[in-house]
N, C-alpha and C. Protein backbone atom coordinates (compact mmCIF):
# COMPACT_ATOMS: atom_id res chain seq x y z
N MET A 1 14.33 -11.68 7.63
CA MET A 1 13.73 -11.79 8.93
C MET A 1 13.83 -13.22 9.46
N LEU A 2 13.46 -14.19 8.63
CA LEU A 2 13.54 -15.57 9.08
C LEU A 2 14.98 -16.01 9.32
N PHE A 3 15.88 -15.51 8.48
CA PHE A 3 17.27 -15.92 8.61
C PHE A 3 17.87 -15.37 9.91
N LYS A 4 17.53 -14.14 10.29
CA LYS A 4 18.11 -13.53 11.49
C LYS A 4 17.60 -14.21 12.76
N LYS A 5 16.33 -14.54 12.80
CA LYS A 5 15.77 -15.08 14.04
C LYS A 5 15.93 -16.60 14.15
N LYS A 6 15.69 -17.31 13.07
CA LYS A 6 15.69 -18.77 13.13
C LYS A 6 16.82 -19.41 12.33
N ARG A 7 17.66 -18.60 11.69
CA ARG A 7 18.74 -19.10 10.84
C ARG A 7 18.18 -20.01 9.75
N LEU A 8 17.06 -19.58 9.16
CA LEU A 8 16.37 -20.36 8.14
C LEU A 8 16.34 -19.58 6.83
N VAL A 9 16.78 -20.19 5.77
CA VAL A 9 16.74 -19.57 4.45
C VAL A 9 15.57 -20.17 3.70
N VAL A 10 14.69 -19.30 3.20
CA VAL A 10 13.52 -19.76 2.46
C VAL A 10 13.81 -19.58 0.97
N PHE A 11 13.74 -20.66 0.23
CA PHE A 11 14.03 -20.61 -1.19
C PHE A 11 12.75 -20.41 -1.98
N ALA A 12 12.87 -19.78 -3.13
CA ALA A 12 11.72 -19.56 -4.00
C ALA A 12 11.48 -20.81 -4.85
N ALA A 13 10.21 -21.09 -5.09
CA ALA A 13 9.85 -22.19 -5.98
C ALA A 13 10.00 -21.72 -7.43
N TRP A 14 9.94 -22.67 -8.36
CA TRP A 14 10.15 -22.34 -9.77
C TRP A 14 9.15 -21.32 -10.27
N TYR A 15 7.90 -21.38 -9.81
CA TYR A 15 6.89 -20.44 -10.30
C TYR A 15 7.15 -19.03 -9.78
N GLY A 16 7.74 -18.89 -8.60
CA GLY A 16 8.12 -17.56 -8.10
C GLY A 16 9.28 -16.99 -8.88
N LYS A 17 10.21 -17.84 -9.26
CA LYS A 17 11.36 -17.38 -10.05
C LYS A 17 10.92 -16.94 -11.44
N ILE A 18 9.98 -17.67 -12.03
CA ILE A 18 9.47 -17.28 -13.34
C ILE A 18 8.73 -15.95 -13.25
N ALA A 19 7.95 -15.75 -12.19
CA ALA A 19 7.23 -14.49 -12.01
C ALA A 19 8.22 -13.32 -11.91
N THR A 20 9.28 -13.50 -11.15
CA THR A 20 10.29 -12.45 -11.04
C THR A 20 10.95 -12.18 -12.38
N PHE A 21 11.30 -13.23 -13.10
CA PHE A 21 11.93 -13.06 -14.41
C PHE A 21 11.01 -12.31 -15.38
N LEU A 22 9.72 -12.65 -15.37
CA LEU A 22 8.79 -11.98 -16.28
C LEU A 22 8.63 -10.50 -15.94
N PHE A 23 8.62 -10.17 -14.65
CA PHE A 23 8.55 -8.76 -14.27
C PHE A 23 9.81 -8.00 -14.69
N VAL A 24 10.96 -8.61 -14.50
CA VAL A 24 12.21 -7.97 -14.91
C VAL A 24 12.22 -7.78 -16.42
N LEU A 25 11.79 -8.78 -17.16
CA LEU A 25 11.74 -8.69 -18.61
C LEU A 25 10.77 -7.59 -19.07
N ALA A 26 9.59 -7.54 -18.46
CA ALA A 26 8.60 -6.53 -18.84
C ALA A 26 9.10 -5.14 -18.51
N PHE A 27 9.67 -4.98 -17.32
CA PHE A 27 10.14 -3.66 -16.92
C PHE A 27 11.30 -3.20 -17.79
N SER A 28 12.23 -4.10 -18.07
CA SER A 28 13.38 -3.71 -18.89
C SER A 28 12.96 -3.42 -20.33
N SER A 29 11.90 -4.05 -20.80
CA SER A 29 11.44 -3.77 -22.16
C SER A 29 10.91 -2.35 -22.30
N LEU A 30 10.50 -1.75 -21.20
CA LEU A 30 10.01 -0.36 -21.27
C LEU A 30 11.10 0.60 -21.72
N PHE A 31 12.35 0.29 -21.43
CA PHE A 31 13.45 1.17 -21.82
C PHE A 31 13.73 1.12 -23.33
N PHE A 32 13.26 0.07 -23.98
CA PHE A 32 13.53 -0.09 -25.41
C PHE A 32 12.32 0.21 -26.29
N LEU A 33 11.20 0.54 -25.68
CA LEU A 33 10.01 0.89 -26.47
C LEU A 33 10.17 2.26 -27.10
N PRO A 34 9.83 2.39 -28.36
CA PRO A 34 9.84 3.73 -28.94
C PRO A 34 8.74 4.58 -28.30
N GLU A 35 8.92 5.86 -28.33
CA GLU A 35 7.99 6.76 -27.65
C GLU A 35 6.56 6.65 -28.17
N GLU A 36 6.39 6.37 -29.44
CA GLU A 36 5.04 6.25 -29.99
C GLU A 36 4.36 4.94 -29.60
N ARG A 37 5.10 4.01 -29.02
CA ARG A 37 4.54 2.73 -28.59
C ARG A 37 4.43 2.60 -27.06
N LEU A 38 4.52 3.68 -26.34
CA LEU A 38 4.46 3.62 -24.89
C LEU A 38 3.11 3.13 -24.38
N ASN A 39 2.08 3.22 -25.21
CA ASN A 39 0.77 2.70 -24.79
C ASN A 39 0.80 1.17 -24.67
N TRP A 40 1.81 0.52 -25.21
CA TRP A 40 1.94 -0.93 -25.08
C TRP A 40 2.34 -1.33 -23.66
N ALA A 41 2.81 -0.40 -22.88
CA ALA A 41 3.28 -0.71 -21.53
C ALA A 41 2.20 -1.37 -20.70
N HIS A 42 0.95 -0.99 -20.91
CA HIS A 42 -0.15 -1.60 -20.16
C HIS A 42 -0.30 -3.09 -20.52
N TYR A 43 -0.06 -3.43 -21.76
CA TYR A 43 -0.24 -4.81 -22.21
C TYR A 43 0.97 -5.68 -21.90
N ILE A 44 2.14 -5.07 -21.81
CA ILE A 44 3.35 -5.83 -21.54
C ILE A 44 3.30 -6.48 -20.16
N PHE A 45 2.60 -5.86 -19.23
CA PHE A 45 2.57 -6.37 -17.85
C PHE A 45 1.42 -7.35 -17.59
N ILE A 46 0.62 -7.67 -18.58
CA ILE A 46 -0.49 -8.60 -18.36
C ILE A 46 0.02 -9.99 -17.99
N VAL A 47 0.98 -10.50 -18.73
CA VAL A 47 1.50 -11.84 -18.46
C VAL A 47 2.23 -11.90 -17.11
N PRO A 48 3.12 -10.95 -16.78
CA PRO A 48 3.77 -11.02 -15.47
C PRO A 48 2.78 -10.91 -14.30
N VAL A 49 1.78 -10.07 -14.42
CA VAL A 49 0.81 -9.95 -13.34
C VAL A 49 -0.01 -11.24 -13.22
N GLY A 50 -0.42 -11.80 -14.34
CA GLY A 50 -1.16 -13.06 -14.31
C GLY A 50 -0.33 -14.18 -13.70
N TRP A 51 0.93 -14.27 -14.09
CA TRP A 51 1.78 -15.32 -13.55
C TRP A 51 2.05 -15.09 -12.06
N SER A 52 2.16 -13.85 -11.65
CA SER A 52 2.35 -13.55 -10.23
C SER A 52 1.14 -13.97 -9.42
N LEU A 53 -0.04 -13.79 -9.95
CA LEU A 53 -1.25 -14.25 -9.26
C LEU A 53 -1.24 -15.78 -9.15
N TYR A 54 -0.84 -16.44 -10.21
CA TYR A 54 -0.71 -17.90 -10.18
C TYR A 54 0.27 -18.31 -9.07
N ALA A 55 1.44 -17.66 -9.03
CA ALA A 55 2.44 -17.98 -8.02
C ALA A 55 1.92 -17.68 -6.62
N TYR A 56 1.19 -16.60 -6.48
CA TYR A 56 0.62 -16.22 -5.18
C TYR A 56 -0.29 -17.32 -4.65
N PHE A 57 -1.16 -17.84 -5.50
CA PHE A 57 -2.06 -18.91 -5.06
C PHE A 57 -1.33 -20.23 -4.83
N ARG A 58 -0.33 -20.51 -5.65
CA ARG A 58 0.45 -21.74 -5.44
C ARG A 58 1.18 -21.69 -4.10
N TYR A 59 1.82 -20.54 -3.80
CA TYR A 59 2.49 -20.40 -2.50
C TYR A 59 1.47 -20.49 -1.37
N GLY A 60 0.32 -19.88 -1.55
CA GLY A 60 -0.72 -19.93 -0.53
C GLY A 60 -1.15 -21.34 -0.22
N PHE A 61 -1.44 -22.12 -1.25
CA PHE A 61 -1.84 -23.51 -1.04
C PHE A 61 -0.70 -24.35 -0.47
N LYS A 62 0.51 -24.05 -0.92
CA LYS A 62 1.66 -24.83 -0.45
C LYS A 62 1.86 -24.66 1.06
N TYR A 63 1.69 -23.45 1.56
CA TYR A 63 1.97 -23.19 2.97
C TYR A 63 0.74 -23.26 3.86
N LEU A 64 -0.44 -23.04 3.31
CA LEU A 64 -1.64 -23.05 4.13
C LEU A 64 -2.35 -24.41 4.15
N TRP A 65 -2.19 -25.20 3.10
CA TRP A 65 -2.87 -26.49 3.04
C TRP A 65 -2.51 -27.40 4.22
N PRO A 66 -1.23 -27.52 4.60
CA PRO A 66 -0.92 -28.35 5.77
C PRO A 66 -1.58 -27.82 7.05
N LEU A 67 -1.70 -26.52 7.20
CA LEU A 67 -2.36 -25.96 8.38
C LEU A 67 -3.84 -26.29 8.38
N TRP A 68 -4.48 -26.21 7.23
CA TRP A 68 -5.91 -26.52 7.14
C TRP A 68 -6.16 -28.00 7.44
N ARG A 69 -5.31 -28.86 6.91
CA ARG A 69 -5.46 -30.30 7.16
C ARG A 69 -5.26 -30.62 8.63
N LYS A 70 -4.30 -29.95 9.24
CA LYS A 70 -4.02 -30.17 10.65
C LYS A 70 -5.21 -29.73 11.52
N GLN A 71 -5.82 -28.61 11.19
CA GLN A 71 -6.98 -28.12 11.95
C GLN A 71 -8.19 -29.04 11.78
N LYS A 72 -8.37 -29.59 10.59
CA LYS A 72 -9.50 -30.51 10.35
C LYS A 72 -9.35 -31.78 11.17
N SER A 73 -8.12 -32.29 11.26
CA SER A 73 -7.91 -33.53 11.98
C SER A 73 -8.04 -33.33 13.50
N VAL A 74 -7.76 -32.12 13.97
CA VAL A 74 -7.86 -31.84 15.41
C VAL A 74 -9.30 -31.59 15.80
N GLY A 75 -10.01 -30.79 14.99
CA GLY A 75 -11.36 -30.36 15.36
C GLY A 75 -12.37 -31.18 14.73
């Protein structure tokens, strides 16, 4: 969307790339789990979900912090 309208490419930060890698690793590991260990699937995704939350807040602060500072200085 950004590329089509503004010709802007948004790159992912290192923490977003790690989150993606962990999700791919967790999901692909499901194909190699034996059938009697399928209950492990719930635990395999704990680290990727936790890291994704970390990345979510880092991206939030990265992009919203300048807006908050700008509003404080104006008002």
